[in-house]
Amino acid sequence: MLTFDHSVISGNSTDNGADDHGGAIYSFYGTVNVLHSTVSDNSARQGGGIYTSQASLTVDDSTVSGNYADLVGGGIRAGVY
């Protein structure tokens, strides 16, 4: 389990080609909690702010803004493959 509580996650990016996911937060088969936090100005190919796959994601009382993705999920990309 990964929990961000009263956190600021900003200005991050990934640059590793086709697997360029989750500029700020990446989770595969896990649990992510973003509580009372800000996820901003991050970038990736998919899921500029947050990328999850086959994972549980909770975002509560938080701001996700100004994130960028080349393909899908500028702020959040949550998927099941």
Protein backbone atom coordinates (compact mmCIF):
# COMPACT_ATOMS: atom_id res chain seq x y z
CA MET A 1 0.00 0.00 0.00
CA LEU A 2 1.19 3.46 -0.93
CA THR A 3 -0.35 6.45 0.87
CA PHE A 4 0.26 10.14 0.25
CA ASP A 5 -1.27 12.27 3.00
CA HIS A 6 -0.91 16.06 3.10
CA SER A 7 1.68 15.81 0.31
CA VAL A 8 2.62 17.83 -2.77
CA ILE A 9 3.87 15.83 -5.75
CA SER A 10 4.86 18.23 -8.50
CA GLY A 11 7.21 18.68 -11.44
CA ASN A 12 8.00 15.03 -12.16
CA SER A 13 8.22 13.24 -15.51
CA THR A 14 9.05 9.88 -17.00
CA ASP A 15 11.02 9.34 -20.17
CA ASN A 16 11.52 5.66 -20.88
CA GLY A 17 9.79 5.10 -24.21
CA ALA A 18 6.75 2.86 -24.58
CA ASP A 19 6.54 2.16 -20.83
CA ASP A 20 6.44 5.84 -19.98
CA HIS A 21 3.59 5.74 -17.42
CA GLY A 22 2.80 7.67 -14.24
CA GLY A 23 4.67 10.96 -14.15
CA ALA A 24 4.13 11.28 -10.40
CA ILE A 25 2.63 7.99 -9.18
CA TYR A 26 2.71 4.53 -10.77
CA SER A 27 1.06 1.42 -9.34
CA PHE A 28 0.61 -2.03 -10.83
CA TYR A 29 -1.34 -4.52 -8.66
CA GLY A 30 -1.32 -2.34 -5.58
CA THR A 31 -3.28 0.09 -3.46
CA VAL A 32 -2.75 3.84 -3.72
CA ASN A 33 -4.33 6.45 -1.44
CA VAL A 34 -3.99 10.17 -2.20
CA LEU A 35 -5.42 12.07 0.76
CA HIS A 36 -5.46 15.83 1.35
CA SER A 37 -2.72 16.19 -1.28
CA THR A 38 -1.83 17.91 -4.55
CA VAL A 39 -0.61 16.14 -7.69
CA SER A 40 0.32 18.84 -10.22
CA ASP A 41 2.51 19.67 -13.20
CA ASN A 42 3.73 16.13 -13.88
CA SER A 43 4.03 14.43 -17.27
CA ALA A 44 4.22 11.01 -18.90
CA ARG A 45 3.08 9.22 -22.04
CA GLN A 46 0.06 7.84 -20.13
CA GLY A 47 -1.19 8.99 -16.73
CA GLY A 48 0.65 12.27 -16.45
CA GLY A 49 -0.24 12.59 -12.78
CA ILE A 50 -1.28 9.10 -11.66
CA TYR A 51 -1.17 5.77 -13.49
CA THR A 52 -2.68 2.60 -12.05
CA SER A 53 -3.30 -0.79 -13.59
CA GLN A 54 -5.16 -3.58 -11.82
CA ALA A 55 -4.84 -1.49 -8.68
CA SER A 56 -7.09 0.18 -6.13
CA LEU A 57 -6.98 3.99 -6.23
CA THR A 58 -8.55 6.41 -3.74
CA VAL A 59 -8.28 10.18 -4.21
CA ASP A 60 -9.95 12.09 -1.38
CA ASP A 61 -9.95 15.83 -0.65
CA SER A 62 -7.08 16.29 -3.11
CA THR A 63 -6.26 18.33 -6.21
CA VAL A 64 -5.04 16.75 -9.44
CA SER A 65 -4.29 19.54 -11.94
CA GLY A 66 -1.93 20.75 -14.63
CA ASN A 67 -0.64 17.26 -15.48
CA TYR A 68 0.07 16.23 -19.08
CA ALA A 69 0.01 12.94 -21.00
CA ASP A 70 0.97 12.41 -24.65
CA LEU A 71 -1.69 9.72 -25.16
CA VAL A 72 -4.31 9.31 -22.42
CA GLY A 73 -4.98 10.30 -18.82
CA GLY A 74 -3.48 13.72 -18.35
CA GLY A 75 -4.44 13.70 -14.69
CA ILE A 76 -5.30 10.07 -13.95
CA ARG A 77 -5.12 6.92 -16.07
CA ALA A 78 -6.67 3.94 -14.27
CA GLY A 79 -6.96 0.76 -16.27
CA VAL A 80 -7.28 -2.98 -16.21
CA TYR A 81 -5.31 -5.07 -18.72
